Amino acid sequence: MSDVMKFTEGEYSVGKDEDLALRNRRQVFINETRTRKAVHLVLITTYGLAQNRWSSVYQNVITAEDLIGK
């Protein structure tokens, strides 16, 4: 699995190819583990997530502010 950690100096923006790759990885995980639980994709980021047509692939976004406060 490549591209599991990335760096950006602003809001993170998800593209069409990444959206497809994340959805595929999620499905492979579900199939391989045979889980019956919900599997959520979560983004941990310093600056947040830029909203676009593919940003809904993440069910939750955790920012540095969420972790350490203001």
Protein backbone atom coordinates (compact mmCIF):
# COMPACT_ATOMS: atom_id res chain seq x y z
CA MET A 1 0.00 0.00 0.00
CA SER A 2 1.59 3.26 -1.05
CA ASP A 3 0.34 6.79 -0.47
CA VAL A 4 -0.87 6.19 3.08
CA MET A 5 0.87 9.28 4.43
CA LYS A 6 1.13 12.62 2.65
CA PHE A 7 2.24 16.16 3.47
CA THR A 8 0.55 19.41 2.53
CA GLU A 9 0.89 23.00 3.72
CA GLY A 10 -2.82 23.73 3.52
CA GLU A 11 -6.19 22.02 3.43
CA TYR A 12 -6.00 18.53 1.98
CA SER A 13 -7.83 17.99 -1.29
CA VAL A 14 -9.00 14.55 -2.41
CA GLY A 15 -8.94 13.79 -6.12
CA LYS A 16 -10.94 11.37 -8.23
CA ASP A 17 -8.17 8.73 -8.35
CA GLU A 18 -7.60 8.84 -4.60
CA ASP A 19 -11.33 8.58 -3.92
CA LEU A 20 -11.49 5.43 -6.03
CA ALA A 21 -8.36 3.95 -4.41
CA LEU A 22 -9.68 4.58 -0.89
CA ARG A 23 -13.06 3.03 -1.68
CA ASN A 24 -11.31 0.00 -3.19
CA ARG A 25 -8.97 -0.40 -0.19
CA ARG A 26 -11.95 -0.19 2.16
CA GLN A 27 -13.77 -2.91 0.22
CA VAL A 28 -10.70 -5.16 0.11
CA PHE A 29 -10.34 -4.78 3.89
CA ILE A 30 -14.00 -5.69 4.42
CA ASN A 31 -13.73 -8.70 2.12
CA GLU A 32 -10.43 -9.98 3.56
CA THR A 33 -11.39 -9.58 7.22
CA ARG A 34 -15.02 -10.60 6.66
CA THR A 35 -15.99 -7.94 9.16
CA ARG A 36 -19.64 -7.26 9.76
CA LYS A 37 -18.81 -3.97 11.45
CA ALA A 38 -18.87 -0.54 9.85
CA VAL A 39 -15.53 0.54 8.38
CA HIS A 40 -14.99 4.30 8.38
CA LEU A 41 -12.31 6.23 6.54
CA VAL A 42 -10.86 8.94 8.79
CA LEU A 43 -8.45 11.71 7.77
CA ILE A 44 -6.02 13.05 10.38
CA THR A 45 -4.74 16.40 9.18
CA THR A 46 -3.15 19.59 10.40
CA TYR A 47 -5.14 22.00 8.25
CA GLY A 48 -8.43 20.32 7.45
CA LEU A 49 -10.09 18.93 4.35
CA ALA A 50 -10.99 21.01 1.30
CA GLN A 51 -14.58 20.29 0.32
CA ASN A 52 -15.05 19.02 -3.22
CA ARG A 53 -17.03 16.30 -4.97
CA TRP A 54 -14.70 13.55 -3.62
CA SER A 55 -14.18 14.75 -0.04
CA SER A 56 -17.18 12.75 1.17
CA VAL A 57 -15.05 9.58 0.98
CA TYR A 58 -13.95 10.45 4.55
CA GLN A 59 -16.57 9.90 7.23
CA ASN A 60 -14.61 11.92 9.78
CA VAL A 61 -11.80 14.47 9.78
CA ILE A 62 -9.59 14.98 12.83
CA THR A 63 -7.45 18.13 12.90
CA ALA A 64 -4.48 19.09 15.04
CA GLU A 65 -6.81 21.49 16.87
CA ASP A 66 -9.06 18.56 17.78
CA LEU A 67 -6.06 16.74 19.24
CA ILE A 68 -4.34 19.56 21.15
CA GLY A 69 -6.99 22.27 21.42
CA LYS A 70 -6.62 25.94 20.59
